Amino acid sequence: MIYNITMEYIQNVAEYYDELYPVTDTQKKFYANIKKSYPMPVKFLQIGCGTGALEHVLAQDGSDVTGLEVSKELIAAASLRKRTQLTAVRFFQLSTLDMTRFLGKGFYNVISCLNSRIIFIHDRTLLKKFFFDSKTLLSKNGTLVLSLLNFHHAEQSEVTQLPELSSIRVKMISSLKKNGANLMYLNQQIETGNGKILKVMDNEEIYPLMKEEIVKFGKEAGFAEFYFYDSFNMDEYTNKGNMLICVMK
């Protein structure tokens, strides 16, 4: 598995994934800016690619894009989208534990792990491995992009309600609960337009990765530059926002 996510309930969110995690104009501008640092075709590796919506946006100008996903439901949706668009995109159902075995070392200009997918690597040793493996797969002067929850506020209380994600058809309700010193539990459910409640995550263990450890793990893996933002608008990170965006080289 890419992350030790319980797959029992993933099918409940697959239909609504693009609505809950849309590709925004700010994301498009963010990646358009990153692309300027590399010659075309820019080579992207997207870890936890979901249904592949962002990957196809990235590939529209001829960029070479690879997406990894663990969920068979999500990878099936991504592959279906690929059949309807003529772009240089490929998707693999592949674990991050194995990505250095099957993917080209030093090949990718930009590696991204978005939508808090990194926090499901709740083993600290495997989390460090993720940073080392990402560095191995990146080209010289390559970029690693992370987007995840800002856990600065969550550590202050036993249970933390997260911002609701919603669309016309569905809304997702999420909460964090402390689990000892270093881990937390994530609970998620969606409510459909007709009032039906479906589980997405049920006491799923996560690692509350914060800025200080990102820098620590990144430096150990060989990254030297770290830039932190509150959003894809590239607003300076303040610890007050809901999200943390990190760009490292």
C-alpha atoms as a PDB file:
ATOM      1  CA  MET A   1       0.000   0.000   0.000  1.00  0.00           C
ATOM      2  CA  ILE A   2       1.104   3.572  -0.592  1.00  0.00           C
ATOM      3  CA  TYR A   3       0.002   4.583   2.883  1.00  0.00           C
ATOM      4  CA  ASN A   4      -1.472   2.282   5.470  1.00  0.00           C
ATOM      5  CA  ILE A   5      -4.980   3.498   4.686  1.00  0.00           C
ATOM      6  CA  THR A   6      -7.873   1.175   5.425  1.00  0.00           C
ATOM      7  CA  MET A   7      -9.468   0.612   2.027  1.00  0.00           C
ATOM      8  CA  GLU A   8     -12.813  -0.631   3.350  1.00  0.00           C
ATOM      9  CA  TYR A   9     -14.642   2.651   2.861  1.00  0.00           C
ATOM     10  CA  ILE A  10     -12.742   4.281  -0.032  1.00  0.00           C
ATOM     11  CA  GLN A  11     -15.413   3.251  -2.522  1.00  0.00           C
ATOM     12  CA  ASN A  12     -17.821   5.528  -0.660  1.00  0.00           C
ATOM     13  CA  VAL A  13     -15.865   8.633  -1.648  1.00  0.00           C
ATOM     14  CA  ALA A  14     -14.588   7.634  -5.101  1.00  0.00           C
ATOM     15  CA  GLU A  15     -17.699   8.929  -6.890  1.00  0.00           C
ATOM     16  CA  TYR A  16     -17.353  12.334  -5.238  1.00  0.00           C
ATOM     17  CA  TYR A  17     -13.559  12.667  -5.201  1.00  0.00           C
ATOM     18  CA  ASP A  18     -13.300  15.296  -7.948  1.00  0.00           C
ATOM     19  CA  GLU A  19     -15.963  17.414  -6.247  1.00  0.00           C
ATOM     20  CA  LEU A  20     -14.329  17.286  -2.816  1.00  0.00           C
ATOM     21  CA  TYR A  21     -10.774  17.755  -4.128  1.00  0.00           C
ATOM     22  CA  PRO A  22     -11.202  19.998  -7.200  1.00  0.00           C
ATOM     23  CA  VAL A  23      -8.291  21.345  -9.212  1.00  0.00           C
ATOM     24  CA  THR A  24      -8.338  25.062  -8.426  1.00  0.00           C
ATOM     25  CA  ASP A  25      -7.048  28.001 -10.442  1.00  0.00           C
ATOM     26  CA  THR A  26      -4.523  28.698  -7.666  1.00  0.00           C
ATOM     27  CA  GLN A  27      -3.136  25.160  -8.016  1.00  0.00           C
ATOM     28  CA  LYS A  28      -2.813  25.635 -11.767  1.00  0.00           C
ATOM     29  CA  LYS A  29      -0.920  28.906 -11.278  1.00  0.00           C
ATOM     30  CA  PHE A  30       1.248  27.331  -8.567  1.00  0.00           C
ATOM     31  CA  TYR A  31       2.387  24.516 -10.851  1.00  0.00           C
ATOM     32  CA  ALA A  32       2.706  26.798 -13.870  1.00  0.00           C
ATOM     33  CA  ASN A  33       5.224  28.782 -11.827  1.00  0.00           C
ATOM     34  CA  ILE A  34       7.155  25.631 -10.853  1.00  0.00           C
ATOM     35  CA  LYS A  35       7.296  24.494 -14.484  1.00  0.00           C
ATOM     36  CA  LYS A  36       9.299  27.601 -15.392  1.00  0.00           C
ATOM     37  CA  SER A  37      12.310  26.147 -13.544  1.00  0.00           C
ATOM     38  CA  TYR A  38      12.636  23.115 -15.834  1.00  0.00           C
ATOM     39  CA  PRO A  39      12.945  22.425 -19.569  1.00  0.00           C
ATOM     40  CA  MET A  40      10.014  20.871 -21.378  1.00  0.00           C
ATOM     41  CA  PRO A  41       8.726  18.283 -21.076  1.00  0.00           C
ATOM     42  CA  VAL A  42       8.667  18.688 -17.297  1.00  0.00           C
ATOM     43  CA  LYS A  43       8.559  15.287 -15.605  1.00  0.00           C
ATOM     44  CA  PHE A  44       6.044  14.994 -12.754  1.00  0.00           C
ATOM     45  CA  LEU A  45       5.450  12.220 -10.237  1.00  0.00           C
ATOM     46  CA  GLN A  46       2.183  12.558  -8.339  1.00  0.00           C
ATOM     47  CA  ILE A  47       1.932  10.385  -5.195  1.00  0.00           C
ATOM     48  CA  GLY A  48      -1.626   9.696  -4.092  1.00  0.00           C
ATOM     49  CA  CYS A  49      -3.024  10.946  -7.402  1.00  0.00           C
ATOM     50  CA  GLY A  50      -6.662  10.084  -6.676  1.00  0.00           C
ATOM     51  CA  THR A  51      -8.737  10.185  -9.846  1.00  0.00           C
ATOM     52  CA  GLY A  52      -6.013  11.902 -11.886  1.00  0.00           C
ATOM     53  CA  ALA A  53      -7.688  15.287 -12.450  1.00  0.00           C
ATOM     54  CA  LEU A  54      -4.632  17.417 -11.607  1.00  0.00           C
ATOM     55  CA  GLU A  55      -2.363  15.055 -13.514  1.00  0.00           C
ATOM     56  CA  HIS A  56      -4.228  15.685 -16.759  1.00  0.00           C
ATOM     57  CA  VAL A  57      -4.082  19.438 -16.187  1.00  0.00           C
ATOM     58  CA  LEU A  58      -0.316  19.205 -15.724  1.00  0.00           C
ATOM     59  CA  ALA A  59       0.055  17.194 -18.927  1.00  0.00           C
ATOM     60  CA  GLN A  60      -1.917  19.532 -21.189  1.00  0.00           C
ATOM     61  CA  ASP A  61       1.208  21.442 -22.269  1.00  0.00           C
ATOM     62  CA  GLY A  62       3.144  18.260 -23.043  1.00  0.00           C
ATOM     63  CA  SER A  63       4.566  17.600 -19.581  1.00  0.00           C
ATOM     64  CA  ASP A  64       5.271  13.959 -18.737  1.00  0.00           C
ATOM     65  CA  VAL A  65       3.157  12.862 -15.756  1.00  0.00           C
ATOM     66  CA  THR A  66       3.131   9.682 -13.662  1.00  0.00           C
ATOM     67  CA  GLY A  67       0.498   9.110 -10.980  1.00  0.00           C
ATOM     68  CA  LEU A  68       0.659   6.600  -8.116  1.00  0.00           C
ATOM     69  CA  GLU A  69      -2.416   5.505  -6.193  1.00  0.00           C
ATOM     70  CA  VAL A  70      -3.185   2.635  -3.835  1.00  0.00           C
ATOM     71  CA  SER A  71      -6.973   2.526  -4.135  1.00  0.00           C
ATOM     72  CA  LYS A  72      -8.190   0.354  -6.978  1.00  0.00           C
ATOM     73  CA  GLU A  73     -11.400   2.402  -7.157  1.00  0.00           C
ATOM     74  CA  LEU A  74      -9.510   5.676  -7.573  1.00  0.00           C
ATOM     75  CA  ILE A  75      -6.925   4.278  -9.985  1.00  0.00           C
ATOM     76  CA  ALA A  76      -9.774   2.854 -12.101  1.00  0.00           C
ATOM     77  CA  ALA A  77     -11.322   6.327 -12.307  1.00  0.00           C
ATOM     78  CA  ALA A  78      -7.952   7.828 -13.236  1.00  0.00           C
ATOM     79  CA  SER A  79      -7.402   5.238 -15.958  1.00  0.00           C
ATOM     80  CA  LEU A  80     -10.885   5.847 -17.360  1.00  0.00           C
ATOM     81  CA  ARG A  81     -10.141   9.569 -17.631  1.00  0.00           C
ATOM     82  CA  LYS A  82      -6.877   8.746 -19.431  1.00  0.00           C
ATOM     83  CA  ARG A  83      -8.743   6.912 -22.192  1.00  0.00           C
ATOM     84  CA  THR A  84     -10.673  10.068 -23.034  1.00  0.00           C
ATOM     85  CA  GLN A  85      -7.679  12.452 -23.208  1.00  0.00           C
ATOM     86  CA  LEU A  86      -4.598  12.268 -25.429  1.00  0.00           C
ATOM     87  CA  THR A  87      -1.891  13.286 -22.949  1.00  0.00           C
ATOM     88  CA  ALA A  88       1.408  11.849 -21.700  1.00  0.00           C
ATOM     89  CA  VAL A  89      -0.027  10.493 -18.439  1.00  0.00           C
ATOM     90  CA  ARG A  90       0.335   7.060 -16.885  1.00  0.00           C
ATOM     91  CA  PHE A  91      -1.082   5.655 -13.651  1.00  0.00           C
ATOM     92  CA  PHE A  92       0.170   2.818 -11.459  1.00  0.00           C
ATOM     93  CA  GLN A  93      -1.279   1.103  -8.424  1.00  0.00           C
ATOM     94  CA  LEU A  94       2.034   1.102  -6.567  1.00  0.00           C
ATOM     95  CA  SER A  95       3.264   1.400  -2.997  1.00  0.00           C
ATOM     96  CA  THR A  96       5.696   4.144  -2.043  1.00  0.00           C
ATOM     97  CA  LEU A  97       7.661   1.374  -0.356  1.00  0.00           C
ATOM     98  CA  ASP A  98       8.398   0.013  -3.835  1.00  0.00           C
ATOM     99  CA  MET A  99       8.586   3.177  -5.930  1.00  0.00           C
ATOM    100  CA  THR A 100      12.390   3.302  -6.068  1.00  0.00           C
ATOM    101  CA  ARG A 101      12.380  -0.290  -7.343  1.00  0.00           C
ATOM    102  CA  PHE A 102      10.100   0.380 -10.289  1.00  0.00           C
ATOM    103  CA  LEU A 103      10.526   4.077 -11.126  1.00  0.00           C
ATOM    104  CA  GLY A 104      13.488   5.849 -12.693  1.00  0.00           C
ATOM    105  CA  LYS A 105      16.011   7.255 -10.220  1.00  0.00           C
ATOM    106  CA  GLY A 106      16.950  10.869 -10.853  1.00  0.00           C
ATOM    107  CA  PHE A 107      14.205  11.105 -13.489  1.00  0.00           C
ATOM    108  CA  TYR A 108      11.506  13.390 -12.075  1.00  0.00           C
ATOM    109  CA  ASN A 109      11.729  17.175 -11.941  1.00  0.00           C
ATOM    110  CA  VAL A 110       8.770  17.556  -9.572  1.00  0.00           C
ATOM    111  CA  ILE A 111       7.303  15.095  -7.069  1.00  0.00           C
ATOM    112  CA  SER A 112       4.055  16.003  -5.301  1.00  0.00           C
ATOM    113  CA  CYS A 113       2.128  14.445  -2.432  1.00  0.00           C
ATOM    114  CA  LEU A 114      -1.052  16.480  -1.916  1.00  0.00           C
ATOM    115  CA  ASN A 115      -4.344  16.374  -0.006  1.00  0.00           C
ATOM    116  CA  SER A 116      -2.647  15.264   3.242  1.00  0.00           C
ATOM    117  CA  ARG A 117      -1.836  11.829   1.842  1.00  0.00           C
ATOM    118  CA  ILE A 118       1.600  11.858   3.491  1.00  0.00           C
ATOM    119  CA  ILE A 119       0.098  11.771   6.999  1.00  0.00           C
ATOM    120  CA  PHE A 120      -1.076   8.188   6.478  1.00  0.00           C
ATOM    121  CA  ILE A 121       2.536   7.062   6.650  1.00  0.00           C
ATOM    122  CA  HIS A 122       2.199   6.775  10.398  1.00  0.00           C
ATOM    123  CA  ASP A 123       5.414   4.852  10.976  1.00  0.00           C
ATOM    124  CA  ARG A 124       8.213   7.361  11.619  1.00  0.00           C
ATOM    125  CA  THR A 125      10.879   5.188   9.974  1.00  0.00           C
ATOM    126  CA  LEU A 126       8.784   4.781   6.815  1.00  0.00           C
ATOM    127  CA  LEU A 127       8.082   8.506   6.839  1.00  0.00           C
ATOM    128  CA  LYS A 128      11.822   9.200   6.786  1.00  0.00           C
ATOM    129  CA  LYS A 129      12.128   6.637   3.960  1.00  0.00           C
ATOM    130  CA  PHE A 130       9.567   8.600   1.963  1.00  0.00           C
ATOM    131  CA  PHE A 131      11.804  11.688   2.012  1.00  0.00           C
ATOM    132  CA  PHE A 132      14.925   9.689   1.106  1.00  0.00           C
ATOM    133  CA  ASP A 133      13.140   7.863  -1.717  1.00  0.00           C
ATOM    134  CA  SER A 134      11.675  11.083  -3.085  1.00  0.00           C
ATOM    135  CA  LYS A 135      15.145  12.626  -3.149  1.00  0.00           C
ATOM    136  CA  THR A 136      16.451   9.540  -4.978  1.00  0.00           C
ATOM    137  CA  LEU A 137      13.791   9.799  -7.680  1.00  0.00           C
ATOM    138  CA  LEU A 138      14.241  13.538  -8.205  1.00  0.00           C
ATOM    139  CA  SER A 139      16.540  14.993 -10.824  1.00  0.00           C
ATOM    140  CA  LYS A 140      19.272  17.443  -9.901  1.00  0.00           C
ATOM    141  CA  ASN A 141      17.597  20.562  -8.480  1.00  0.00           C
ATOM    142  CA  GLY A 142      14.298  18.678  -8.413  1.00  0.00           C
ATOM    143  CA  THR A 143      11.362  19.864  -6.305  1.00  0.00           C
ATOM    144  CA  LEU A 144       9.233  18.043  -3.726  1.00  0.00           C
ATOM    145  CA  VAL A 145       5.802  19.551  -3.005  1.00  0.00           C
ATOM    146  CA  LEU A 146       3.695  18.590   0.016  1.00  0.00           C
ATOM    147  CA  SER A 147       0.250  19.806   0.995  1.00  0.00           C
ATOM    148  CA  LEU A 148      -1.240  18.685   4.295  1.00  0.00           C
ATOM    149  CA  LEU A 149      -3.293  19.719   7.265  1.00  0.00           C
ATOM    150  CA  ASN A 150      -1.838  22.305   9.600  1.00  0.00           C
ATOM    151  CA  PHE A 151      -1.607  20.362  12.868  1.00  0.00           C
ATOM    152  CA  HIS A 152      -0.505  23.355  14.933  1.00  0.00           C
ATOM    153  CA  HIS A 153      -4.033  23.837  16.296  1.00  0.00           C
ATOM    154  CA  ALA A 154      -4.932  20.149  16.551  1.00  0.00           C
ATOM    155  CA  GLU A 155      -2.242  19.458  19.140  1.00  0.00           C
ATOM    156  CA  GLN A 156      -3.996  21.843  21.546  1.00  0.00           C
ATOM    157  CA  SER A 157      -7.099  19.699  22.150  1.00  0.00           C
ATOM    158  CA  GLU A 158      -8.194  16.067  22.395  1.00  0.00           C
ATOM    159  CA  VAL A 159     -10.659  16.304  19.487  1.00  0.00           C
ATOM    160  CA  THR A 160     -10.435  18.786  16.605  1.00  0.00           C
ATOM    161  CA  GLN A 161     -13.108  19.368  13.961  1.00  0.00           C
ATOM    162  CA  LEU A 162     -11.598  20.010  10.540  1.00  0.00           C
ATOM    163  CA  PRO A 163     -12.984  22.388   7.898  1.00  0.00           C
ATOM    164  CA  GLU A 164     -15.865  20.831   5.991  1.00  0.00           C
ATOM    165  CA  LEU A 165     -15.405  19.964   2.317  1.00  0.00           C
ATOM    166  CA  SER A 166     -18.557  20.246   0.238  1.00  0.00           C
ATOM    167  CA  SER A 167     -20.099  20.380  -3.202  1.00  0.00           C
ATOM    168  CA  ILE A 168     -23.655  20.562  -4.477  1.00  0.00           C
ATOM    169  CA  ARG A 169     -24.081  16.799  -4.079  1.00  0.00           C
ATOM    170  CA  VAL A 170     -22.085  15.942  -0.977  1.00  0.00           C
ATOM    171  CA  LYS A 171     -20.215  17.199   2.069  1.00  0.00           C
ATOM    172  CA  MET A 172     -17.350  15.624   3.999  1.00  0.00           C
ATOM    173  CA  ILE A 173     -17.089  15.977   7.771  1.00  0.00           C
ATOM    174  CA  SER A 174     -13.721  15.221   9.380  1.00  0.00           C
ATOM    175  CA  SER A 175     -12.283  15.223  12.884  1.00  0.00           C
ATOM    176  CA  LEU A 176      -8.968  14.433  14.579  1.00  0.00           C
ATOM    177  CA  LYS A 177      -8.568  12.661  17.902  1.00  0.00           C
ATOM    178  CA  LYS A 178      -5.360  12.337  19.860  1.00  0.00           C
ATOM    179  CA  ASN A 179      -3.768   8.889  20.073  1.00  0.00           C
ATOM    180  CA  GLY A 180      -0.811   8.987  22.441  1.00  0.00           C
ATOM    181  CA  ALA A 181       2.181  11.261  22.047  1.00  0.00           C
ATOM    182  CA  ASN A 182       2.960  11.038  18.326  1.00  0.00           C
ATOM    183  CA  LEU A 183      -0.127   9.760  16.502  1.00  0.00           C
ATOM    184  CA  MET A 184      -3.715  10.822  15.910  1.00  0.00           C
ATOM    185  CA  TYR A 185      -6.892   9.198  14.653  1.00  0.00           C
ATOM    186  CA  LEU A 186      -8.737  10.602  11.639  1.00  0.00           C
ATOM    187  CA  ASN A 187     -12.480  10.100  11.285  1.00  0.00           C
ATOM    188  CA  GLN A 188     -14.293  11.086   8.097  1.00  0.00           C
ATOM    189  CA  GLN A 189     -17.775  10.641   6.770  1.00  0.00           C
ATOM    190  CA  ILE A 190     -19.697  12.027   3.838  1.00  0.00           C
ATOM    191  CA  GLU A 191     -23.315  13.116   3.762  1.00  0.00           C
ATOM    192  CA  THR A 192     -25.035  12.873   0.391  1.00  0.00           C
ATOM    193  CA  GLY A 193     -27.728  15.233  -0.860  1.00  0.00           C
ATOM    194  CA  ASN A 194     -30.475  12.847   0.250  1.00  0.00           C
ATOM    195  CA  GLY A 195     -29.091  12.730   3.809  1.00  0.00           C
ATOM    196  CA  LYS A 196     -27.333   9.366   3.600  1.00  0.00           C
ATOM    197  CA  ILE A 197     -24.242   9.086   5.839  1.00  0.00           C
ATOM    198  CA  LEU A 198     -21.287   7.015   4.558  1.00  0.00           C
ATOM    199  CA  LYS A 199     -17.982   6.311   6.323  1.00  0.00           C
ATOM    200  CA  VAL A 200     -14.702   7.258   4.680  1.00  0.00           C
ATOM    201  CA  MET A 201     -12.183   6.894   7.535  1.00  0.00           C
ATOM    202  CA  ASP A 202     -12.882   5.143  10.842  1.00  0.00           C
ATOM    203  CA  ASN A 203     -10.238   5.834  13.527  1.00  0.00           C
ATOM    204  CA  GLU A 204      -7.526   5.810  10.847  1.00  0.00           C
ATOM    205  CA  GLU A 205      -4.078   6.291  12.376  1.00  0.00           C
ATOM    206  CA  ILE A 206      -2.185   9.274  11.018  1.00  0.00           C
ATOM    207  CA  TYR A 207       1.096  11.031  11.796  1.00  0.00           C
ATOM    208  CA  PRO A 208       0.619  14.753  12.618  1.00  0.00           C
ATOM    209  CA  LEU A 209       3.573  15.934  10.555  1.00  0.00           C
ATOM    210  CA  MET A 210       4.469  19.567  11.209  1.00  0.00           C
ATOM    211  CA  LYS A 211       6.897  22.118   9.819  1.00  0.00           C
ATOM    212  CA  GLU A 212       9.789  21.341  12.154  1.00  0.00           C
ATOM    213  CA  GLU A 213       9.830  17.622  11.336  1.00  0.00           C
ATOM    214  CA  ILE A 214       9.414  18.251   7.609  1.00  0.00           C
ATOM    215  CA  VAL A 215      12.614  20.308   7.735  1.00  0.00           C
ATOM    216  CA  LYS A 216      14.356  17.695   9.914  1.00  0.00           C
ATOM    217  CA  PHE A 217      13.414  14.724   7.718  1.00  0.00           C
ATOM    218  CA  GLY A 218      14.068  16.716   4.555  1.00  0.00           C
ATOM    219  CA  LYS A 219      17.562  17.778   5.599  1.00  0.00           C
ATOM    220  CA  GLU A 220      18.414  14.210   6.581  1.00  0.00           C
ATOM    221  CA  ALA A 221      17.379  13.121   3.074  1.00  0.00           C
ATOM    222  CA  GLY A 222      19.536  15.776   1.405  1.00  0.00           C
ATOM    223  CA  PHE A 223      17.101  18.635   0.747  1.00  0.00           C
ATOM    224  CA  ALA A 224      18.597  22.070   1.382  1.00  0.00           C
ATOM    225  CA  GLU A 225      15.880  24.638   0.612  1.00  0.00           C
ATOM    226  CA  PHE A 226      12.461  24.795   2.298  1.00  0.00           C
ATOM    227  CA  TYR A 227       9.593  27.178   1.549  1.00  0.00           C
ATOM    228  CA  PHE A 228       6.345  27.090   3.540  1.00  0.00           C
ATOM    229  CA  TYR A 229       2.980  28.611   2.611  1.00  0.00           C
ATOM    230  CA  ASP A 230      -0.552  28.753   3.987  1.00  0.00           C
ATOM    231  CA  SER A 231      -2.097  27.964   0.603  1.00  0.00           C
ATOM    232  CA  PHE A 232      -1.355  27.463  -3.081  1.00  0.00           C
ATOM    233  CA  ASN A 233      -1.646  31.260  -3.365  1.00  0.00           C
ATOM    234  CA  MET A 234       1.826  31.131  -1.787  1.00  0.00           C
ATOM    235  CA  ASP A 235       0.807  33.257   1.193  1.00  0.00           C
ATOM    236  CA  GLU A 236       3.544  33.134   3.820  1.00  0.00           C
ATOM    237  CA  TYR A 237       3.049  30.345   6.354  1.00  0.00           C
ATOM    238  CA  THR A 238       1.779  31.714   9.668  1.00  0.00           C
ATOM    239  CA  ASN A 239       0.593  28.655  11.666  1.00  0.00           C
ATOM    240  CA  LYS A 240      -2.898  30.177  11.564  1.00  0.00           C
ATOM    241  CA  GLY A 241      -4.262  28.636   8.374  1.00  0.00           C
ATOM    242  CA  ASN A 242      -5.877  25.235   7.884  1.00  0.00           C
ATOM    243  CA  MET A 243      -3.248  23.969   5.470  1.00  0.00           C
ATOM    244  CA  LEU A 244       0.524  23.767   5.151  1.00  0.00           C
ATOM    245  CA  ILE A 245       2.171  23.808   1.734  1.00  0.00           C
ATOM    246  CA  CYS A 246       5.864  22.943   1.584  1.00  0.00           C
ATOM    247  CA  VAL A 247       8.190  23.269  -1.416  1.00  0.00           C
ATOM    248  CA  MET A 248      11.658  21.795  -0.941  1.00  0.00           C
ATOM    249  CA  LYS A 249      14.696  21.353  -3.148  1.00  0.00           C
END
